[in-house]
Amino acid sequence: MKISEILKSTVPHVSMEVFPPKNDADFEDVMHVAEEIADLDPSFMSVTYGAGGGTSKNTVRIVSRLQKKDGVTALAHLTCVSSTKEEVHHVIEQLKEQDIENVLALRGDIPQDASFPMPNQYHYASELVSEIKESGDFCIGAACYPEGHVDTEYKKDDIRHLKEKVDCGVDFLTTQMFFDNDIFYNFLYRIREAGITVPVIPGIMPVMNLRQMKRSCEMSGTTLSRRYIELADRFGETPAAMQQAGIAYATEQIIDLFANGINHVHIYTMNKPQVARAIMNNLSEIMKVP
């Protein structure tokens, strides 16, 4: 099923993300994790492309197995920063061969030691979106950044670039993580004013490790909210307490989004089925409310 069809539902839905193994030897372990998460009945599951594109073949393998064996609608990430145009074409053909119809088109993070773009690479995600659109009947997702892309100085320029990308054929957007829902609501208002009308799925990250999260936020330009910092200062040195607090914080964000008419939320699970399960248990009755 195309994700654009799922997003038409007015009933609350939760989708989830997993990432493939860095080493082929770990494939079955990660597949087991993915299947545990699939058992939670997410509306769809996305599978990342991996830093540097090195896990691309496993992205396709996991997405294919989730769809064919587990009956889960799956979304394959595809980045262009680490791949030549020929390599991108090859992955697109693999997706078509496996009947994978949902793709998240990303530029990806530019490696510090790499020369980008090379003449045989796509420069922007918008170019990748156009290529995917021309290559088959895909449902295409893209990323958006409620606090602005880290490489863009002004938010108005970031929204203008986002509009250009959407106009190339994007069917839905998924946000970078955020920890203050008001940031998302404000972003949604601004992009609607700019004429961006496709569905926008807020991305929620349950934080288990403060040090790791601070590093991720520095790279992505995401701001840790005051409430979250206070929570982490109190519980961050006790892993079990921090996990419970992180789950509670993410749950509160999701409930607030549902209460304010956002019907679909995406969870960055970090390959932790127990965390995803705890959040879904917290939402068990809430998701029954139309």
Protein backbone atom coordinates (compact mmCIF):
# COMPACT_ATOMS: atom_id res chain seq x y z
CA MET A 1 0.00 0.00 0.00
CA LYS A 2 1.17 3.53 -0.71
CA ILE A 3 1.80 5.63 2.38
CA SER A 4 -0.13 8.50 0.82
CA GLU A 5 -3.26 6.32 1.13
CA ILE A 6 -2.53 5.48 4.78
CA LEU A 7 -2.20 9.18 5.58
CA LYS A 8 -5.78 9.83 4.48
CA SER A 9 -7.04 8.10 7.62
CA THR A 10 -8.48 10.28 10.40
CA VAL A 11 -7.77 7.65 13.05
CA PRO A 12 -4.51 8.09 15.02
CA HIS A 13 -1.62 6.09 13.55
CA VAL A 14 1.99 5.50 14.54
CA SER A 15 4.77 4.49 12.15
CA MET A 16 8.28 3.44 13.16
CA GLU A 17 11.84 3.56 11.86
CA VAL A 18 14.64 0.99 12.04
CA PHE A 19 18.17 1.06 10.69
CA PRO A 20 20.03 -1.77 8.92
CA PRO A 21 23.19 -3.44 10.23
CA LYS A 22 26.61 -2.05 9.38
CA ASN A 23 27.89 -5.59 8.88
CA ASP A 24 26.23 -8.36 6.89
CA ALA A 25 26.94 -10.77 9.76
CA ASP A 26 24.48 -8.84 11.93
CA PHE A 27 21.67 -8.91 9.38
CA GLU A 28 19.54 -11.59 11.05
CA ASP A 29 19.87 -9.91 14.47
CA VAL A 30 18.61 -6.62 13.06
CA MET A 31 15.91 -8.43 11.11
CA HIS A 32 14.73 -9.99 14.37
CA VAL A 33 14.54 -6.50 15.92
CA ALA A 34 12.61 -5.22 12.89
CA GLU A 35 10.13 -8.08 13.16
CA GLU A 36 9.62 -7.43 16.88
CA ILE A 37 8.74 -3.85 16.01
CA ALA A 38 6.52 -5.04 13.15
CA ASP A 39 4.58 -7.11 15.71
CA LEU A 40 3.47 -3.82 17.29
CA ASP A 41 1.37 -3.20 14.16
CA PRO A 42 2.74 0.17 13.05
CA SER A 43 0.97 1.80 10.12
CA PHE A 44 4.24 1.50 8.21
CA MET A 45 7.95 1.01 8.88
CA SER A 46 10.81 2.96 7.38
CA VAL A 47 14.32 1.55 6.93
CA THR A 48 17.25 3.95 6.76
CA TYR A 49 19.99 3.95 4.14
CA GLY A 50 22.88 4.13 6.60
CA ALA A 51 25.74 6.57 6.93
CA GLY A 52 27.67 6.77 3.68
CA GLY A 53 25.14 4.57 1.91
CA GLY A 54 27.08 1.47 2.90
CA THR A 55 24.01 -0.41 4.10
CA SER A 56 21.90 0.23 1.01
CA LYS A 57 21.65 -3.42 -0.04
CA ASN A 58 20.42 -4.36 3.43
CA THR A 59 17.87 -1.55 3.31
CA VAL A 60 16.26 -3.17 0.30
CA ARG A 61 16.49 -6.65 1.88
CA ILE A 62 14.83 -5.57 5.12
CA VAL A 63 12.06 -3.61 3.39
CA SER A 64 11.35 -6.55 1.10
CA ARG A 65 11.14 -9.04 3.98
CA LEU A 66 8.95 -6.76 6.07
CA GLN A 67 6.48 -6.50 3.21
CA LYS A 68 6.53 -10.08 1.95
CA LYS A 69 6.94 -12.02 5.19
CA ASP A 70 5.45 -9.73 7.82
CA GLY A 71 2.81 -7.98 5.73
CA VAL A 72 3.96 -4.51 6.81
CA THR A 73 3.88 -1.50 4.51
CA ALA A 74 7.51 -0.43 4.31
CA LEU A 75 9.40 2.68 3.25
CA ALA A 76 12.95 2.50 1.87
CA HIS A 77 15.28 5.44 2.45
CA LEU A 78 17.45 6.47 -0.48
CA THR A 79 20.20 9.08 -0.22
CA CYS A 80 22.26 10.62 -3.00
CA VAL A 81 25.19 12.19 -1.14
CA SER A 82 27.24 9.00 -1.09
CA SER A 83 26.11 7.48 -4.39
CA THR A 84 26.70 8.14 -8.05
CA LYS A 85 23.75 8.58 -10.36
CA GLU A 86 24.38 5.08 -11.68
CA GLU A 87 24.27 3.63 -8.16
CA VAL A 88 21.02 5.45 -7.45
CA HIS A 89 19.52 4.05 -10.64
CA HIS A 90 20.61 0.56 -9.59
CA VAL A 91 18.87 0.87 -6.21
CA ILE A 92 15.70 2.21 -7.85
CA GLU A 93 15.64 -0.84 -10.13
CA GLN A 94 16.09 -3.12 -7.09
CA LEU A 95 13.13 -1.43 -5.41
CA LYS A 96 10.99 -1.97 -8.49
CA GLU A 97 12.02 -5.64 -8.73
CA GLN A 98 10.97 -6.18 -5.10
CA ASP A 99 7.63 -4.36 -5.58
CA ILE A 100 8.66 -1.64 -3.12
CA GLU A 101 6.58 1.43 -3.90
CA ASN A 102 7.40 3.79 -1.01
CA VAL A 103 10.70 5.72 -1.02
CA LEU A 104 12.06 8.47 1.23
CA ALA A 105 14.33 10.65 -0.91
CA LEU A 106 17.17 12.32 0.99
CA ARG A 107 20.34 14.17 0.15
CA GLY A 108 22.00 12.78 3.27
CA ASP A 109 24.72 14.19 5.50
CA ILE A 110 27.85 15.24 3.64
CA PRO A 111 30.90 13.37 5.01
CA GLN A 112 33.59 15.75 6.23
CA ASP A 113 36.32 13.99 4.26
CA ALA A 114 34.37 13.76 0.99
CA SER A 115 34.23 15.97 -2.06
CA PHE A 116 30.58 16.68 -2.79
CA PRO A 117 29.03 17.01 -5.22
CA MET A 118 30.98 15.18 -7.88
CA PRO A 119 29.89 15.56 -11.53
CA ASN A 120 28.18 12.15 -11.48
CA GLN A 121 26.13 12.82 -8.35
CA TYR A 122 22.81 14.49 -7.64
CA HIS A 123 23.40 17.77 -5.82
CA TYR A 124 20.07 18.12 -4.03
CA ALA A 125 17.24 15.96 -2.74
CA SER A 126 14.94 17.72 -5.21
CA GLU A 127 16.95 16.21 -8.08
CA LEU A 128 16.63 12.78 -6.50
CA VAL A 129 12.88 13.25 -6.09
CA SER A 130 12.54 14.12 -9.78
CA GLU A 131 14.58 11.06 -10.77
CA ILE A 132 12.48 8.70 -8.65
CA LYS A 133 9.29 10.27 -9.96
CA GLU A 134 10.36 9.65 -13.54
CA SER A 135 11.51 6.10 -12.83
CA GLY A 136 8.27 4.48 -11.72
CA ASP A 137 4.99 4.67 -9.84
CA PHE A 138 6.49 5.44 -6.44
CA CYS A 139 5.02 7.18 -3.41
CA ILE A 140 7.78 9.62 -2.49
CA GLY A 141 8.50 11.02 0.94
CA ALA A 142 11.05 13.66 1.91
CA ALA A 143 12.50 15.19 5.05
CA CYS A 144 11.73 18.58 6.56
CA TYR A 145 13.25 20.51 9.43
CA PRO A 146 10.98 22.39 11.87
CA GLU A 147 13.95 24.32 13.27
CA GLY A 148 15.52 24.89 9.86
CA HIS A 149 18.14 22.82 8.05
CA VAL A 150 21.55 23.07 9.70
CA ASP A 151 23.10 24.20 6.38
CA THR A 152 20.58 27.03 5.84
CA GLU A 153 21.03 30.34 7.65
CA TYR A 154 17.47 31.66 7.33
CA LYS A 155 14.28 29.66 7.89
CA LYS A 156 12.50 31.44 5.05
CA ASP A 157 15.15 30.12 2.65
CA ASP A 158 14.78 26.64 4.07
CA ILE A 159 11.00 26.75 3.48
CA ARG A 160 11.55 28.04 -0.06
CA HIS A 161 13.88 25.11 -0.78
CA LEU A 162 11.34 22.75 0.77
CA LYS A 163 8.61 24.10 -1.53
CA GLU A 164 10.88 23.50 -4.54
CA LYS A 165 11.49 19.94 -3.40
CA VAL A 166 7.81 19.20 -2.81
CA ASP A 167 6.92 20.61 -6.22
CA CYS A 168 9.27 18.06 -7.81
CA GLY A 169 6.89 15.26 -6.77
CA VAL A 170 6.90 14.72 -2.99
CA ASP A 171 3.76 13.02 -1.62
CA PHE A 172 4.43 13.50 2.10
CA LEU A 173 7.02 14.89 4.51
CA THR A 174 8.53 13.54 7.73
CA THR A 175 10.14 15.94 10.18
CA GLN A 176 13.49 15.88 11.89
CA MET A 177 13.11 15.16 15.61
CA PHE A 178 11.98 18.00 17.87
CA PHE A 179 11.36 18.24 21.62
CA ASP A 180 8.91 21.13 21.82
CA ASN A 181 5.62 20.61 20.00
CA ASP A 182 5.11 24.36 19.62
CA ILE A 183 8.09 24.33 17.23
CA PHE A 184 6.23 21.83 15.05
CA TYR A 185 2.92 23.71 15.15
CA ASN A 186 4.65 26.95 14.18
CA PHE A 187 6.52 25.21 11.36
CA LEU A 188 3.29 23.67 10.05
CA TYR A 189 1.62 27.08 10.00
CA ARG A 190 4.53 28.66 8.10
CA ILE A 191 4.79 25.97 5.42
CA ARG A 192 1.03 25.99 4.83
CA GLU A 193 1.27 29.74 4.32
CA ALA A 194 4.03 29.05 1.78
CA GLY A 195 1.73 26.74 -0.20
CA ILE A 196 3.09 23.38 0.96
CA THR A 197 -0.04 21.26 1.34
CA VAL A 198 1.23 17.65 1.45
CA PRO A 199 0.80 15.67 4.70
CA VAL A 200 3.53 16.27 7.30
CA ILE A 201 4.38 13.49 9.77
CA PRO A 202 6.04 14.68 12.99
CA GLY A 203 9.09 12.60 13.94
CA ILE A 204 9.47 11.78 17.65
CA MET A 205 12.71 10.54 19.20
CA PRO A 206 12.47 8.82 22.61
CA VAL A 207 15.77 9.82 24.23
CA MET A 208 17.59 7.20 26.26
CA ASN A 209 21.11 8.65 26.33
CA LEU A 210 21.63 12.37 26.96
CA ARG A 211 25.25 12.48 25.77
CA GLN A 212 24.37 10.77 22.50
CA MET A 213 21.38 13.04 22.04
CA LYS A 214 23.39 16.22 22.61
CA ARG A 215 25.80 15.11 19.89
CA SER A 216 22.91 14.38 17.50
CA CYS A 217 21.33 17.74 18.24
CA GLU A 218 24.58 19.57 17.53
CA MET A 219 24.80 17.87 14.13
CA SER A 220 21.15 18.43 13.21
CA GLY A 221 20.55 21.86 14.70
CA THR A 222 17.79 20.52 16.96
CA THR A 223 17.18 22.32 20.27
CA LEU A 224 16.69 20.42 23.51
CA SER A 225 13.75 21.94 25.35
CA ARG A 226 14.17 23.34 28.87
CA ARG A 227 11.77 20.72 30.22
CA TYR A 228 13.76 17.93 28.66
CA ILE A 229 17.08 19.27 29.95
CA GLU A 230 15.66 19.42 33.48
CA LEU A 231 14.43 15.86 33.13
CA ALA A 232 17.81 14.65 31.84
CA ASP A 233 19.71 16.49 34.58
CA ARG A 234 17.66 14.62 37.18
CA PHE A 235 17.64 11.12 35.67
CA GLY A 236 20.43 11.06 33.07
CA GLU A 237 22.95 9.21 35.24
CA THR A 238 20.56 6.31 35.92
CA PRO A 239 19.93 4.41 32.63
CA ALA A 240 16.72 2.67 33.69
CA ALA A 241 15.22 5.89 35.05
CA MET A 242 16.35 7.82 31.97
CA GLN A 243 14.70 5.27 29.70
CA GLN A 244 11.44 5.48 31.62
CA ALA A 245 11.56 9.28 31.60
CA GLY A 246 12.39 9.36 27.88
CA ILE A 247 9.45 7.09 27.10
CA ALA A 248 7.13 9.25 29.20
CA TYR A 249 8.33 12.45 27.51
CA ALA A 250 7.89 11.00 24.00
CA THR A 251 4.45 9.66 24.96
CA GLU A 252 3.40 13.10 26.20
CA GLN A 253 4.54 14.67 22.93
CA ILE A 254 2.53 12.16 20.91
CA ILE A 255 -0.62 12.57 23.01
CA ASP A 256 -0.44 16.33 22.59
CA LEU A 257 -0.04 15.95 18.80
CA PHE A 258 -3.05 13.63 18.61
CA ALA A 259 -5.11 15.98 20.79
CA ASN A 260 -4.32 18.82 18.39
CA GLY A 261 -5.53 17.00 15.29
CA ILE A 262 -2.27 15.45 14.07
CA ASN A 263 -3.33 11.93 13.14
CA HIS A 264 0.00 10.35 12.27
CA VAL A 265 3.26 10.28 14.24
CA HIS A 266 6.58 8.65 13.32
CA ILE A 267 8.81 7.16 16.06
CA TYR A 268 12.58 6.95 15.65
CA THR A 269 12.96 3.68 17.56
CA MET A 270 16.78 3.41 17.43
CA ASN A 271 16.18 -0.35 17.00
CA LYS A 272 14.82 -0.69 20.54
CA PRO A 273 11.62 -2.79 20.43
CA GLN A 274 11.13 -2.50 24.19
CA VAL A 275 10.96 1.29 23.93
CA ALA A 276 8.54 1.22 21.00
CA ARG A 277 6.39 -1.35 22.84
CA ALA A 278 6.24 0.79 26.00
CA ILE A 279 5.10 3.83 24.02
CA MET A 280 2.44 1.83 22.19
CA ASN A 281 1.19 0.44 25.52
CA ASN A 282 0.90 4.02 26.79
CA LEU A 283 -1.20 4.90 23.74
CA SER A 284 -3.36 1.77 23.66
CA GLU A 285 -6.68 3.46 24.49
CA ILE A 286 -5.84 6.86 23.04
CA MET A 287 -5.36 5.41 19.55
CA LYS A 288 -8.88 3.97 19.63
CA VAL A 289 -10.42 7.45 19.75
CA PRO A 290 -11.44 8.62 16.25
